[in-house]
Amino acid sequence: MIPDLDTLLQARERIRRQVHTTPVLTCRALNHISGAELYFKCENFQKVGAFKFRGASNAILSLDENQARAGVATHSSGNHAAAVALAARLRGIPAHIVMPETAPEIKKRAVQGYGAQITFCEPTIAAREQTLERILTETGATLVHPYNDHAVIAGQATAALELLEQLPQAPDFVLSPIGGGGLISGTALVVHYLAPNTKAVGSEPRLADDAARSFRSGEIQPPMPPKTIADGLLTCLGDKTFAIIREYVHDILTVSEKAIVTAMRMTWERMKIIIEPSSAVPLAAVLEHPDFFRGSRTAIILTGGNADLDNLPWLAADRLPDNST
């Protein structure tokens, strides 16, 4: 059953003392460039450097003692892995993480630092799922899915709950990236329940556009071989997230790789804050779809700040895929 408003509010109370209340920032220069009034919800300042800590905390704190005793397990390319690892450590239970071998080194180190047991696999969805299934069978751990879990979705929704309280009035749009759809699902539910005139809009790399294709076709579409620099958005939708997206999301916009790099660098230079490529996708959507947002009050969820400082994308801009524009 799709989480109701009480479920979202309960999630907020459950995790309140464990997560940061992140700030909302503005930038006059980006307002001028975009022709819109932009508000940035800075989940790059969240624990583990990403919004994922909200969903992982809610799911793990919701477990009963018998479930918790055997620990938790998940698969993730980075931010969700770190979130589960830390949330499990704070509850004092084991965490088993399946990560693709190609995950950024900064994210591998973070998960290791939180004390989780990592199992590496080939960088495919099938390999992740097969490896995770084996670990679940061997350990009896509880799955904390990266996105296709109502407890995770409810936890992610708390970012939008905070956002609406922090703004002087409800925005015209709330914009977030889409990977598996957990954040946009929670966000869409919040604005549906509390700000019905606000539209939840998703944003996605054009080279990993399975959510946009699914949204338009009405059925979950398989992902293409991923080529995007937005490594946090390489997952595909689940049945739970897609059911919410199909019902409550206004639109999903796609962006080029070059626009992602531009938006990421612009955020670093103009706002003086660090975000990772996946986090730059919503601002890229505002820049590449100016007519959609011009004159609006648009809130953007900056999802994470775990950038690989040894491999900044603008240092390799000339090697971006030719079909990215």
Protein backbone atom coordinates (compact mmCIF):
# COMPACT_ATOMS: atom_id res chain seq x y z
CA MET A 1 0.00 0.00 0.00
CA ILE A 2 1.32 3.47 -0.92
CA PRO A 3 2.45 5.30 2.23
CA ASP A 4 -0.13 7.75 3.56
CA LEU A 5 0.65 11.09 5.18
CA ASP A 6 0.67 9.60 8.69
CA THR A 7 3.32 7.10 7.59
CA LEU A 8 5.53 9.90 6.25
CA LEU A 9 5.12 11.94 9.44
CA GLN A 10 5.90 8.88 11.57
CA ALA A 11 9.07 8.34 9.56
CA ARG A 12 10.13 11.89 10.27
CA GLU A 13 9.65 11.41 14.02
CA ARG A 14 11.43 8.06 13.94
CA ILE A 15 14.59 9.44 12.35
CA ARG A 16 14.49 13.00 13.68
CA ARG A 17 17.30 12.58 16.21
CA GLN A 18 19.49 10.57 13.82
CA VAL A 19 19.53 12.75 10.69
CA HIS A 20 20.57 16.34 10.01
CA THR A 21 18.00 18.99 9.17
CA THR A 22 19.72 20.28 6.05
CA PRO A 23 19.64 23.92 4.94
CA VAL A 24 17.93 25.49 1.95
CA LEU A 25 20.22 27.85 0.02
CA THR A 26 19.61 30.34 -2.75
CA CYS A 27 21.92 31.82 -5.37
CA ARG A 28 21.18 35.13 -7.08
CA ALA A 29 23.55 34.31 -9.95
CA LEU A 30 21.80 31.02 -10.74
CA ASN A 31 18.42 32.72 -10.50
CA HIS A 32 19.56 35.22 -13.13
CA ILE A 33 21.02 32.54 -15.40
CA SER A 34 17.93 30.31 -15.19
CA GLY A 35 15.23 32.98 -15.20
CA ALA A 36 13.67 31.22 -12.20
CA GLU A 37 13.68 31.59 -8.42
CA LEU A 38 15.66 28.55 -7.26
CA TYR A 39 15.82 27.02 -3.80
CA PHE A 40 18.40 24.29 -3.14
CA LYS A 41 17.67 21.70 -0.43
CA CYS A 42 21.22 20.71 0.50
CA GLU A 43 21.19 16.99 1.20
CA ASN A 44 24.88 17.02 0.28
CA PHE A 45 25.24 18.17 3.92
CA GLN A 46 23.36 15.11 5.22
CA LYS A 47 25.17 12.37 7.15
CA VAL A 48 27.13 10.15 4.71
CA GLY A 49 26.92 13.12 2.34
CA ALA A 50 23.59 12.12 0.78
CA PHE A 51 19.82 11.98 1.26
CA LYS A 52 20.05 8.17 1.28
CA PHE A 53 20.71 8.23 5.03
CA ARG A 54 17.07 9.21 5.58
CA GLY A 55 15.59 6.13 3.91
CA ALA A 56 18.15 3.72 5.33
CA SER A 57 17.62 5.06 8.85
CA ASN A 58 13.85 4.74 8.66
CA ALA A 59 14.01 1.19 7.31
CA ILE A 60 16.57 0.01 9.88
CA LEU A 61 14.92 1.73 12.85
CA SER A 62 11.61 0.12 11.79
CA LEU A 63 12.98 -3.43 12.22
CA ASP A 64 11.92 -5.43 15.26
CA GLU A 65 14.60 -6.96 17.48
CA ASN A 66 14.42 -10.40 15.89
CA GLN A 67 14.88 -8.97 12.42
CA ALA A 68 17.67 -6.64 13.51
CA ARG A 69 19.68 -9.38 15.19
CA ALA A 70 20.60 -11.00 11.85
CA GLY A 71 21.60 -7.65 10.36
CA VAL A 72 20.75 -6.02 7.07
CA ALA A 73 21.95 -6.32 3.48
CA THR A 74 21.66 -4.33 0.28
CA HIS A 75 23.28 -3.56 -3.06
CA SER A 76 24.40 -0.09 -4.07
CA SER A 77 26.99 1.79 -6.08
CA GLY A 78 27.77 4.00 -3.12
CA ASN A 79 25.52 6.42 -1.27
CA HIS A 80 22.85 3.92 -0.20
CA ALA A 81 25.61 1.51 0.76
CA ALA A 82 27.19 4.09 3.05
CA ALA A 83 23.79 5.03 4.45
CA VAL A 84 22.91 1.44 5.34
CA ALA A 85 26.37 0.86 6.78
CA LEU A 86 26.15 3.87 9.10
CA ALA A 87 22.51 3.34 10.09
CA ALA A 88 23.30 -0.29 10.92
CA ARG A 89 26.35 0.71 12.94
CA LEU A 90 24.29 3.22 14.92
CA ARG A 91 21.80 0.47 15.76
CA GLY A 92 24.62 -1.96 16.54
CA ILE A 93 23.80 -4.60 13.93
CA PRO A 94 25.76 -6.13 11.00
CA ALA A 95 25.54 -4.71 7.48
CA HIS A 96 26.36 -6.67 4.30
CA ILE A 97 26.84 -4.55 1.18
CA VAL A 98 27.08 -5.68 -2.45
CA MET A 99 28.92 -3.11 -4.55
CA PRO A 100 29.92 -3.13 -8.22
CA GLU A 101 33.66 -3.28 -8.78
CA THR A 102 33.44 -0.01 -10.71
CA ALA A 103 31.97 2.02 -7.82
CA PRO A 104 33.92 5.23 -7.13
CA GLU A 105 36.79 4.75 -4.72
CA ILE A 106 35.51 7.50 -2.43
CA LYS A 107 32.29 5.55 -1.93
CA LYS A 108 34.07 2.23 -1.37
CA ARG A 109 36.20 3.85 1.31
CA ALA A 110 33.18 5.37 3.01
CA VAL A 111 31.37 2.03 3.28
CA GLN A 112 34.48 0.35 4.62
CA GLY A 113 34.92 3.16 7.12
CA TYR A 114 31.45 2.56 8.55
CA GLY A 115 32.35 -1.06 9.26
CA ALA A 116 30.19 -2.90 6.73
CA GLN A 117 31.13 -6.18 5.07
CA ILE A 118 31.52 -5.50 1.32
CA THR A 119 31.14 -8.08 -1.44
CA PHE A 120 32.13 -6.82 -4.89
CA CYS A 121 30.42 -7.96 -8.10
CA GLU A 122 30.32 -7.28 -11.82
CA PRO A 123 28.79 -3.88 -12.69
CA THR A 124 25.40 -5.16 -13.85
CA ILE A 125 21.97 -5.18 -12.20
CA ALA A 126 21.79 -8.96 -12.63
CA ALA A 127 25.13 -9.48 -10.89
CA ARG A 128 24.12 -7.22 -8.02
CA GLU A 129 20.84 -9.01 -7.47
CA GLN A 130 22.30 -12.52 -7.73
CA THR A 131 25.10 -11.73 -5.30
CA LEU A 132 22.71 -10.09 -2.86
CA GLU A 133 20.33 -13.06 -2.97
CA ARG A 134 23.18 -15.38 -2.04
CA ILE A 135 24.16 -13.21 0.92
CA LEU A 136 20.58 -12.93 2.15
CA THR A 137 20.29 -16.74 2.07
CA GLU A 138 23.61 -17.28 3.85
CA THR A 139 23.15 -14.66 6.59
CA GLY A 140 19.41 -14.37 7.17
CA ALA A 141 19.84 -10.60 6.98
CA THR A 142 16.90 -8.32 6.14
CA LEU A 143 16.99 -6.63 2.76
CA VAL A 144 17.04 -2.82 2.84
CA HIS A 145 16.35 -2.13 -0.79
CA PRO A 146 17.93 1.02 -2.24
CA TYR A 147 14.56 2.38 -3.34
CA ASN A 148 11.80 -0.21 -3.92
CA ASP A 149 10.73 -0.33 -0.27
CA HIS A 150 7.96 1.72 1.30
CA ALA A 151 9.96 2.28 4.50
CA VAL A 152 12.84 3.65 2.42
CA ILE A 153 10.47 5.82 0.35
CA ALA A 154 8.90 7.22 3.53
CA GLY A 155 12.34 8.05 4.88
CA GLN A 156 13.34 9.83 1.69
CA ALA A 157 10.09 11.81 1.83
CA THR A 158 11.28 13.56 4.99
CA ALA A 159 13.59 15.78 2.91
CA ALA A 160 10.56 17.25 1.15
CA LEU A 161 8.67 17.55 4.46
CA GLU A 162 11.50 19.70 5.79
CA LEU A 163 11.73 21.65 2.55
CA LEU A 164 8.09 22.76 2.63
CA GLU A 165 8.51 23.95 6.21
CA GLN A 166 11.66 25.91 5.34
CA LEU A 167 10.23 27.82 2.37
CA PRO A 168 8.12 30.95 2.82
CA GLN A 169 5.48 29.45 0.50
CA ALA A 170 5.04 26.27 -1.49
CA PRO A 171 7.07 26.28 -4.74
CA ASP A 172 5.68 25.73 -8.22
CA PHE A 173 8.00 22.75 -8.76
CA VAL A 174 10.09 20.40 -6.66
CA LEU A 175 12.79 18.81 -8.78
CA SER A 176 14.91 15.76 -7.99
CA PRO A 177 17.01 13.24 -9.91
CA ILE A 178 15.70 9.75 -10.66
CA GLY A 179 17.64 6.52 -10.36
CA GLY A 180 15.44 3.87 -8.80
CA GLY A 181 12.80 6.44 -7.90
CA GLY A 182 12.80 6.39 -4.10
CA LEU A 183 13.39 10.11 -3.62
CA ILE A 184 11.04 11.34 -6.33
CA SER A 185 8.36 8.95 -5.04
CA GLY A 186 8.61 10.29 -1.50
CA THR A 187 8.78 13.85 -2.76
CA ALA A 188 5.73 13.41 -4.98
CA LEU A 189 3.72 11.99 -2.08
CA VAL A 190 4.63 14.92 0.16
CA VAL A 191 3.55 17.57 -2.33
CA HIS A 192 0.39 15.58 -3.14
CA TYR A 193 -0.61 15.52 0.52
CA LEU A 194 0.60 18.93 1.66
CA ALA A 195 1.11 21.19 -1.39
CA PRO A 196 -1.31 20.04 -4.09
CA ASN A 197 -0.50 22.99 -6.37
CA THR A 198 3.19 22.06 -6.41
CA LYS A 199 4.37 19.74 -9.18
CA ALA A 200 6.97 17.04 -8.54
CA VAL A 201 9.30 16.77 -11.54
CA GLY A 202 11.97 14.16 -12.09
CA SER A 203 15.24 14.60 -13.97
CA GLU A 204 17.39 11.94 -15.58
CA PRO A 205 20.47 11.61 -17.80
CA ARG A 206 19.53 11.12 -21.44
CA LEU A 207 21.98 8.20 -21.57
CA ALA A 208 20.14 6.47 -18.70
CA ASP A 209 16.55 7.45 -19.45
CA ASP A 210 14.64 4.31 -18.49
CA ALA A 211 12.45 6.23 -16.00
CA ALA A 212 11.43 8.80 -18.62
CA ARG A 213 10.66 6.04 -21.12
CA SER A 214 8.69 4.13 -18.48
CA PHE A 215 6.75 7.25 -17.50
CA ARG A 216 5.71 7.90 -21.09
CA SER A 217 4.90 4.30 -21.98
CA GLY A 218 3.05 3.41 -18.77
CA GLU A 219 5.19 0.30 -18.26
CA ILE A 220 8.61 -0.21 -16.70
CA GLN A 221 11.21 -0.15 -19.45
CA PRO A 222 14.58 -1.91 -19.24
CA PRO A 223 17.65 0.28 -18.82
CA MET A 224 20.11 0.73 -21.64
CA PRO A 225 23.78 -0.07 -20.98
CA PRO A 226 24.66 2.87 -18.72
CA LYS A 227 27.18 5.42 -19.97
CA THR A 228 26.37 8.44 -17.82
CA ILE A 229 28.77 10.16 -15.43
CA ALA A 230 25.86 10.31 -12.94
CA ASP A 231 26.89 7.03 -11.31
CA GLY A 232 24.20 7.25 -8.62
CA LEU A 233 21.42 7.03 -11.24
CA LEU A 234 22.30 3.73 -12.88
CA THR A 235 19.50 1.71 -11.28
CA CYS A 236 16.09 1.00 -12.82
CA LEU A 237 12.63 1.63 -11.38
CA GLY A 238 10.87 -0.84 -9.09
CA ASP A 239 7.19 -1.70 -9.01
CA LYS A 240 6.60 0.29 -5.81
CA THR A 241 8.35 3.43 -6.99
CA PHE A 242 6.85 3.27 -10.46
CA ALA A 243 3.31 3.00 -9.07
CA ILE A 244 3.84 6.28 -7.19
CA ILE A 245 5.67 8.00 -10.05
CA ARG A 246 2.97 7.11 -12.56
CA GLU A 247 0.25 8.50 -10.27
CA TYR A 248 1.85 11.55 -8.65
CA VAL A 249 4.84 12.81 -10.69
CA HIS A 250 4.08 15.63 -13.14
CA ASP A 251 6.88 15.00 -15.65
CA ILE A 252 10.38 13.56 -16.12
CA LEU A 253 12.95 15.61 -18.06
CA THR A 254 16.17 14.25 -19.55
CA VAL A 255 19.50 16.03 -19.85
CA SER A 256 22.81 15.68 -21.68
CA GLU A 257 26.12 14.71 -20.13
CA LYS A 258 27.56 18.11 -20.97
CA ALA A 259 24.68 19.82 -19.17
CA ILE A 260 25.36 17.69 -16.07
CA VAL A 261 29.01 18.74 -16.07
CA THR A 262 28.06 22.39 -16.58
CA ALA A 263 25.51 22.32 -13.75
CA MET A 264 27.92 20.58 -11.38
CA ARG A 265 30.73 23.04 -12.06
CA MET A 266 28.36 26.00 -11.89
CA THR A 267 27.17 24.88 -8.45
CA TRP A 268 30.74 24.55 -7.21
CA GLU A 269 31.74 27.93 -8.63
CA ARG A 270 28.63 30.00 -7.90
CA MET A 271 27.38 28.45 -4.64
CA LYS A 272 30.76 27.34 -3.25
CA ILE A 273 29.43 23.92 -2.28
CA ILE A 274 30.43 20.44 -3.41
CA ILE A 275 27.93 18.21 -5.19
CA GLU A 276 28.42 14.99 -7.14
CA PRO A 277 27.34 14.46 -10.78
CA SER A 278 24.00 12.80 -9.93
CA SER A 279 23.14 15.75 -7.73
CA ALA A 280 23.70 18.16 -10.63
CA VAL A 281 21.07 16.57 -12.88
CA PRO A 282 18.10 18.68 -11.63
CA LEU A 283 19.92 21.97 -12.20
CA ALA A 284 20.96 20.63 -15.61
CA ALA A 285 17.25 20.12 -16.34
CA VAL A 286 16.50 23.73 -15.43
CA LEU A 287 19.30 24.93 -17.71
CA GLU A 288 18.37 22.68 -20.66
CA HIS A 289 14.61 23.23 -20.39
CA PRO A 290 14.43 26.97 -19.68
CA ASP A 291 10.89 27.45 -21.01
CA PHE A 292 9.60 24.82 -18.59
CA PHE A 293 10.88 26.66 -15.51
CA ARG A 294 11.16 30.32 -16.52
CA GLY A 295 9.40 32.61 -14.04
CA SER A 296 8.72 29.79 -11.59
CA ARG A 297 9.64 29.19 -7.97
CA THR A 298 11.52 25.89 -8.20
CA ALA A 299 12.99 23.85 -5.36
CA ILE A 300 15.86 21.51 -6.22
CA ILE A 301 16.96 18.65 -3.99
CA LEU A 302 20.76 18.44 -4.10
CA THR A 303 21.03 14.76 -3.38
CA GLY A 304 24.68 14.25 -2.50
CA GLY A 305 28.17 15.64 -2.26
CA ASN A 306 30.38 12.56 -2.57
CA ALA A 307 32.37 13.72 -5.57
CA ASP A 308 35.48 11.83 -6.60
CA LEU A 309 38.05 14.63 -6.36
CA ASP A 310 40.58 12.61 -8.34
CA ASN A 311 38.21 12.28 -11.30
CA LEU A 312 36.27 15.53 -11.63
CA PRO A 313 34.15 15.35 -14.78
CA TRP A 314 35.16 18.70 -16.27
CA LEU A 315 38.75 17.49 -16.39
CA ALA A 316 37.61 14.90 -18.95
CA ALA A 317 34.89 16.91 -20.69
CA ASP A 318 36.42 16.23 -24.09
CA ARG A 319 35.86 12.51 -23.53
CA LEU A 320 32.12 12.71 -22.86
CA PRO A 321 29.99 10.49 -25.13
CA ASP A 322 29.41 12.01 -28.56
CA ASN A 323 25.67 11.37 -28.38
CA SER A 324 25.26 13.16 -25.02
CA THR A 325 23.89 16.44 -26.34
